[in-house]
Amino acid sequence: MSTPVAAGTLSASSPAASRVRARRWRRRLSALGESAPATVGIVIVLSWVGLALVAPLIAPYPPNANDMTALANTTPSKAHWLGTDQLGRDLLSRILWGARPVLVIAPLAVLGAAALGSLLGLAAGYYGRWVDLTITRACDIVLSFPVIILYMIILAHFGSSAWNIIGVLTLTKAPIIARIVRGMTLDLREREYVAAAKMRGESALYIMLVEILPNARGPLVVDMCLRTGYNVIIIGALGFLGIGLPPPDPDWGGMVKDTYGLMMVWPHMALFPCAAISSLVVGFNLLAVGLRELGLRD
């Protein structure tokens, strides 16, 4: 006589489990729209994404165009709504164009770190023993370095292109995600659906990617939102230190650096780029708060 299988022990790859996941996603999306922090965060992030996409169409000036007539008065005016920098470049145009690299580099670096960190964390948590020890020690070594110094060394050697910044952010964030995934894998590998997959003869790679990882995605997605916000701050810090995107490309952190020493005279030159960085970080953090509330509700 067959024994009914509890919903919690369904294989992640079974049709019934797929239907359950689909219903959960619909319920979560509905609940996400009811979360005030998540709604505000989504509006802020999507607003910046929209502005970045249409920057070539709505920016009043090219980002590197110099208006020599504005040098006498760089403060906000009818011609330059947010004013200009010390070279006569329109701040609004440079902020709009500067959103584009930030919204490419920060999420791509998080996705790269999540992919690498998840693989390392799954392997460490699933296999244990020397695999766990090796991966854990390697992560500890990377995390033991002061990150800013590590960024400066790597970017000074390889150059501060967008792809190099993505690479160094991926390298330094992957160990953190690996620790999170490892901890969840240690718990999930003892679940009944994992034991059932082993009895079916599924490979270790299949079990890790299909049975374990989908059940660990909740905390992982929340952390990815937070990491994206952190990356926005780091990208700004790299630009301020002079190792961000090479000039004259618009870079929010670089815009603040360019006005260093002029802030007491023309504070708007640093205020508006800092406000752009802060608003985007707040957007990702609020989205993470909403996702965390959703996870606790589940």
Protein backbone atom coordinates (compact mmCIF):
# COMPACT_ATOMS: atom_id res chain seq x y z
CA MET A 1 0.00 0.00 0.00
CA SER A 2 1.48 3.35 -1.06
CA THR A 3 2.01 6.10 1.46
CA PRO A 4 0.92 9.65 0.61
CA VAL A 5 3.84 12.02 0.12
CA ALA A 6 3.76 15.21 2.10
CA ALA A 7 3.96 18.45 0.14
CA GLY A 8 7.19 19.37 1.89
CA THR A 9 8.90 16.20 0.69
CA LEU A 10 8.09 16.58 -3.01
CA SER A 11 11.02 16.42 -5.36
CA ALA A 12 11.89 19.84 -6.72
CA SER A 13 11.75 18.44 -10.26
CA SER A 14 8.33 16.75 -10.05
CA PRO A 15 5.31 18.22 -11.89
CA ALA A 16 3.44 18.59 -8.61
CA ALA A 17 6.33 20.55 -7.12
CA SER A 18 6.42 22.77 -10.21
CA ARG A 19 2.74 23.62 -9.77
CA VAL A 20 3.29 24.34 -6.09
CA ARG A 21 6.20 26.66 -6.93
CA ALA A 22 4.12 28.48 -9.55
CA ARG A 23 1.36 29.13 -7.01
CA ARG A 24 3.91 30.30 -4.47
CA TRP A 25 5.45 32.75 -6.97
CA ARG A 26 2.04 34.22 -7.80
CA ARG A 27 1.26 34.60 -4.10
CA ARG A 28 4.65 36.15 -3.40
CA LEU A 29 4.39 38.66 -6.25
CA SER A 30 0.98 39.68 -4.97
CA ALA A 31 2.31 40.03 -1.42
CA LEU A 32 5.34 41.96 -2.69
CA GLY A 33 3.04 44.57 -4.18
CA GLU A 34 1.37 44.97 -0.78
CA SER A 35 4.69 45.65 0.98
CA ALA A 36 5.31 49.40 1.34
CA PRO A 37 9.14 49.13 1.51
CA ALA A 38 9.23 46.82 -1.50
CA THR A 39 6.90 49.05 -3.51
CA VAL A 40 8.96 52.17 -2.80
CA GLY A 41 12.18 50.29 -3.54
CA ILE A 42 10.86 48.96 -6.84
CA VAL A 43 9.69 52.44 -7.87
CA ILE A 44 13.09 53.99 -7.08
CA VAL A 45 15.11 51.28 -8.82
CA LEU A 46 12.86 51.12 -11.89
CA SER A 47 12.87 54.92 -12.10
CA TRP A 48 16.66 54.94 -12.29
CA VAL A 49 16.62 52.09 -14.80
CA GLY A 50 14.17 54.03 -16.95
CA LEU A 51 16.20 57.23 -16.72
CA ALA A 52 19.37 55.36 -17.64
CA LEU A 53 17.73 53.75 -20.66
CA VAL A 54 16.42 57.03 -22.06
CA ALA A 55 19.41 59.16 -21.01
CA PRO A 56 20.48 59.76 -24.64
CA LEU A 57 16.98 61.09 -25.36
CA ILE A 58 16.26 63.22 -22.29
CA ALA A 59 19.72 64.48 -21.27
CA PRO A 60 19.74 68.19 -22.20
CA TYR A 61 23.42 68.14 -23.19
CA PRO A 62 26.11 65.62 -24.14
CA PRO A 63 27.78 64.43 -20.92
CA ASN A 64 31.17 65.92 -21.78
CA ALA A 65 30.03 69.11 -23.49
CA ASN A 66 31.61 72.25 -22.02
CA ASP A 67 29.50 75.39 -21.69
CA MET A 68 32.06 78.14 -21.18
CA THR A 69 29.34 80.70 -20.60
CA ALA A 70 28.27 78.78 -17.46
CA LEU A 71 31.67 79.00 -15.80
CA ALA A 72 30.84 82.41 -14.37
CA ASN A 73 27.87 80.89 -12.51
CA THR A 74 27.82 77.12 -12.04
CA THR A 75 24.76 77.08 -9.79
CA PRO A 76 21.39 75.71 -11.00
CA SER A 77 19.72 77.85 -13.66
CA LYS A 78 17.14 77.64 -16.44
CA ALA A 79 19.79 76.45 -18.87
CA HIS A 80 21.30 73.96 -16.43
CA TRP A 81 18.71 72.70 -13.95
CA LEU A 82 21.25 71.15 -11.56
CA GLY A 83 24.05 73.53 -12.45
CA THR A 84 27.41 72.68 -14.00
CA ASP A 85 30.74 71.44 -12.75
CA GLN A 86 33.96 73.44 -12.72
CA LEU A 87 34.49 72.62 -16.42
CA GLY A 88 31.07 73.84 -17.49
CA ARG A 89 29.60 70.35 -17.98
CA ASP A 90 25.89 69.96 -17.24
CA LEU A 91 25.41 68.02 -13.99
CA LEU A 92 21.97 66.67 -14.87
CA SER A 93 23.27 65.20 -18.12
CA ARG A 94 26.28 63.65 -16.42
CA ILE A 95 24.15 62.16 -13.63
CA LEU A 96 21.75 60.62 -16.16
CA TRP A 97 24.58 59.19 -18.23
CA GLY A 98 26.45 58.12 -15.07
CA ALA A 99 23.51 55.93 -14.05
CA ARG A 100 24.11 53.65 -17.03
CA PRO A 101 27.46 52.11 -15.99
CA VAL A 102 26.36 51.85 -12.35
CA LEU A 103 23.21 49.91 -13.28
CA VAL A 104 25.25 47.56 -15.44
CA ILE A 105 28.30 47.00 -13.24
CA ALA A 106 26.54 46.60 -9.87
CA PRO A 107 23.96 43.94 -10.88
CA LEU A 108 26.36 42.03 -13.15
CA ALA A 109 28.93 41.84 -10.35
CA VAL A 110 26.25 40.54 -7.98
CA LEU A 111 25.10 37.93 -10.50
CA GLY A 112 28.69 36.80 -11.03
CA ALA A 113 29.31 36.62 -7.28
CA ALA A 114 26.03 34.75 -6.76
CA ALA A 115 26.89 32.20 -9.45
CA LEU A 116 30.44 31.60 -8.20
CA GLY A 117 29.53 31.80 -4.52
CA SER A 118 26.56 29.45 -4.93
CA LEU A 119 28.68 26.80 -6.64
CA LEU A 120 31.36 27.04 -3.95
CA GLY A 121 28.82 27.04 -1.12
CA LEU A 122 26.88 24.10 -2.57
CA ALA A 123 30.04 22.05 -3.00
CA ALA A 124 31.31 22.89 0.49
CA GLY A 125 28.01 22.16 2.21
CA TYR A 126 27.11 19.05 0.21
CA TYR A 127 30.43 17.21 0.13
CA GLY A 128 31.84 18.38 3.46
CA ARG A 129 35.19 17.07 4.72
CA TRP A 130 38.25 18.26 2.77
CA VAL A 131 36.14 19.98 0.10
CA ASP A 132 34.41 22.05 2.76
CA LEU A 133 37.70 22.78 4.52
CA THR A 134 39.48 23.85 1.33
CA ILE A 135 36.70 26.14 0.11
CA THR A 136 36.10 27.63 3.56
CA ARG A 137 39.79 28.43 4.05
CA ALA A 138 40.06 29.95 0.57
CA CYS A 139 37.07 32.17 1.32
CA ASP A 140 38.58 33.19 4.65
CA ILE A 141 41.82 34.19 2.92
CA VAL A 142 40.02 36.41 0.41
CA LEU A 143 37.87 37.98 3.12
CA SER A 144 40.91 38.66 5.31
CA PHE A 145 42.24 41.26 2.86
CA PRO A 146 41.12 44.89 3.29
CA VAL A 147 38.79 45.21 0.32
CA ILE A 148 39.71 48.77 -0.68
CA ILE A 149 43.41 47.89 -0.77
CA LEU A 150 42.59 44.76 -2.76
CA TYR A 151 40.58 46.85 -5.23
CA MET A 152 43.41 49.35 -5.58
CA ILE A 153 46.03 46.66 -6.20
CA ILE A 154 44.00 44.74 -8.78
CA LEU A 155 42.62 47.76 -10.64
CA ALA A 156 45.98 49.53 -10.62
CA HIS A 157 47.56 46.47 -12.24
CA PHE A 158 44.84 45.50 -14.73
CA GLY A 159 43.25 48.90 -15.33
CA SER A 160 39.92 50.33 -14.23
CA SER A 161 37.66 49.23 -17.07
CA ALA A 162 34.05 48.26 -16.44
CA TRP A 163 34.80 44.54 -16.86
CA ASN A 164 37.75 44.70 -14.46
CA ILE A 165 35.55 46.39 -11.85
CA ILE A 166 32.93 43.68 -12.34
CA GLY A 167 35.62 41.03 -11.94
CA VAL A 168 37.07 42.44 -8.73
CA LEU A 169 33.62 42.93 -7.20
CA THR A 170 32.71 39.36 -8.12
CA LEU A 171 35.90 38.04 -6.57
CA THR A 172 35.42 39.85 -3.27
CA LYS A 173 31.68 39.21 -2.88
CA ALA A 174 31.59 35.54 -3.90
CA PRO A 175 33.10 34.27 -0.59
CA ILE A 176 30.36 36.02 1.39
CA ILE A 177 27.64 34.40 -0.69
CA ALA A 178 29.47 31.06 -0.50
CA ARG A 179 29.22 31.18 3.30
CA ILE A 180 25.48 31.84 3.15
CA VAL A 181 24.81 29.05 0.66
CA ARG A 182 27.06 26.63 2.55
CA GLY A 183 25.10 27.15 5.75
CA MET A 184 21.78 26.54 4.02
CA THR A 185 23.15 23.51 2.16
CA LEU A 186 24.28 21.89 5.41
CA ASP A 187 20.65 22.00 6.55
CA LEU A 188 18.92 21.18 3.27
CA ARG A 189 21.08 18.18 2.40
CA GLU A 190 19.43 16.27 5.26
CA ARG A 191 15.89 16.80 3.93
CA GLU A 192 13.77 13.91 2.71
CA TYR A 193 13.55 15.09 -0.89
CA VAL A 194 17.35 15.04 -1.11
CA ALA A 195 17.39 11.48 0.23
CA ALA A 196 14.72 10.55 -2.31
CA ALA A 197 16.81 12.01 -5.13
CA LYS A 198 19.80 9.97 -4.00
CA MET A 199 17.68 6.82 -3.99
CA ARG A 200 16.60 7.59 -7.57
CA GLY A 201 20.27 7.66 -8.53
CA GLU A 202 20.46 11.37 -9.32
CA SER A 203 23.93 12.88 -9.65
CA ALA A 204 25.39 15.16 -7.01
CA LEU A 205 25.32 18.09 -9.45
CA TYR A 206 21.62 17.50 -10.12
CA ILE A 207 20.83 17.32 -6.41
CA MET A 208 22.72 20.53 -5.66
CA LEU A 209 21.29 22.58 -8.53
CA VAL A 210 17.74 21.20 -8.73
CA GLU A 211 16.90 19.98 -5.23
CA ILE A 212 18.93 22.19 -2.88
CA LEU A 213 19.56 25.54 -4.60
CA PRO A 214 15.89 26.38 -5.38
CA ASN A 215 15.04 25.91 -1.71
CA ALA A 216 17.87 28.25 -0.69
CA ARG A 217 16.98 31.08 -3.05
CA GLY A 218 14.93 33.15 -0.57
CA PRO A 219 17.77 34.40 1.65
CA LEU A 220 20.03 34.43 -1.40
CA VAL A 221 17.80 36.85 -3.34
CA VAL A 222 17.54 39.16 -0.32
CA ASP A 223 21.32 39.18 0.04
CA MET A 224 21.75 39.86 -3.69
CA CYS A 225 19.58 42.98 -3.39
CA LEU A 226 21.68 44.20 -0.47
CA ARG A 227 24.92 43.38 -2.32
CA THR A 228 23.75 45.38 -5.32
CA GLY A 229 23.28 48.41 -3.08
CA TYR A 230 26.70 47.84 -1.53
CA ASN A 231 28.21 47.63 -5.01
CA VAL A 232 26.71 51.00 -5.91
CA ILE A 233 28.51 52.48 -2.88
CA ILE A 234 31.77 50.72 -3.76
CA ILE A 235 31.62 51.89 -7.38
CA GLY A 236 31.16 55.43 -6.11
CA ALA A 237 34.06 55.01 -3.67
CA LEU A 238 36.31 53.68 -6.44
CA GLY A 239 35.45 56.69 -8.57
CA PHE A 240 36.17 59.03 -5.66
CA LEU A 241 39.57 57.37 -5.16
CA GLY A 242 40.38 57.79 -8.85
CA ILE A 243 40.32 54.08 -9.72
CA GLY A 244 36.78 53.92 -11.07
CA LEU A 245 35.72 54.33 -14.67
CA PRO A 246 38.35 56.26 -16.64
CA PRO A 247 37.57 59.91 -17.40
CA PRO A 248 35.92 61.63 -19.13
CA ASP A 249 33.14 59.00 -18.84
CA PRO A 250 30.49 60.16 -16.32
CA ASP A 251 31.00 58.46 -12.96
CA TRP A 252 29.04 59.51 -9.90
CA GLY A 253 31.98 58.95 -7.56
CA GLY A 254 34.34 60.64 -9.99
CA MET A 255 32.02 63.65 -10.13
CA VAL A 256 32.36 64.03 -6.35
CA LYS A 257 36.14 63.66 -6.58
CA ASP A 258 36.36 66.33 -9.27
CA THR A 259 34.73 68.85 -6.93
CA TYR A 260 36.90 67.99 -3.93
CA GLY A 261 38.14 71.29 -2.53
CA LEU A 262 35.26 73.22 -4.11
CA MET A 263 32.46 71.86 -1.92
CA MET A 264 32.42 74.87 0.40
CA VAL A 265 32.05 77.22 -2.57
CA TRP A 266 29.84 75.12 -4.88
CA PRO A 267 28.28 72.36 -2.73
CA HIS A 268 25.75 71.44 -5.43
CA MET A 269 28.53 69.84 -7.52
CA ALA A 270 28.93 67.08 -4.91
CA LEU A 271 25.41 67.15 -3.46
CA PHE A 272 23.56 65.94 -6.56
CA PRO A 273 25.86 62.98 -7.40
CA CYS A 274 25.79 61.94 -3.73
CA ALA A 275 21.99 62.17 -3.76
CA ALA A 276 21.89 59.93 -6.84
CA ILE A 277 24.08 57.32 -5.15
CA SER A 278 22.08 57.48 -1.93
CA SER A 279 18.69 57.19 -3.62
CA LEU A 280 19.70 54.12 -5.64
CA VAL A 281 21.19 52.43 -2.57
CA VAL A 282 18.04 53.18 -0.57
CA GLY A 283 15.95 51.69 -3.38
CA PHE A 284 17.82 48.39 -3.33
CA ASN A 285 17.79 48.28 0.48
CA LEU A 286 14.04 48.86 0.64
CA LEU A 287 13.52 46.14 -1.95
CA ALA A 288 15.61 43.80 0.21
CA VAL A 289 13.53 44.71 3.27
CA GLY A 290 10.34 43.90 1.38
CA LEU A 291 11.72 40.57 0.20
CA ARG A 292 12.81 39.72 3.74
CA GLU A 293 9.34 40.51 5.06
CA LEU A 294 7.91 38.28 2.36
CA GLY A 295 10.25 35.46 3.38
CA LEU A 296 9.28 35.78 7.04
CA ARG A 297 5.61 35.77 6.05
CA ASP A 298 6.11 32.51 4.15
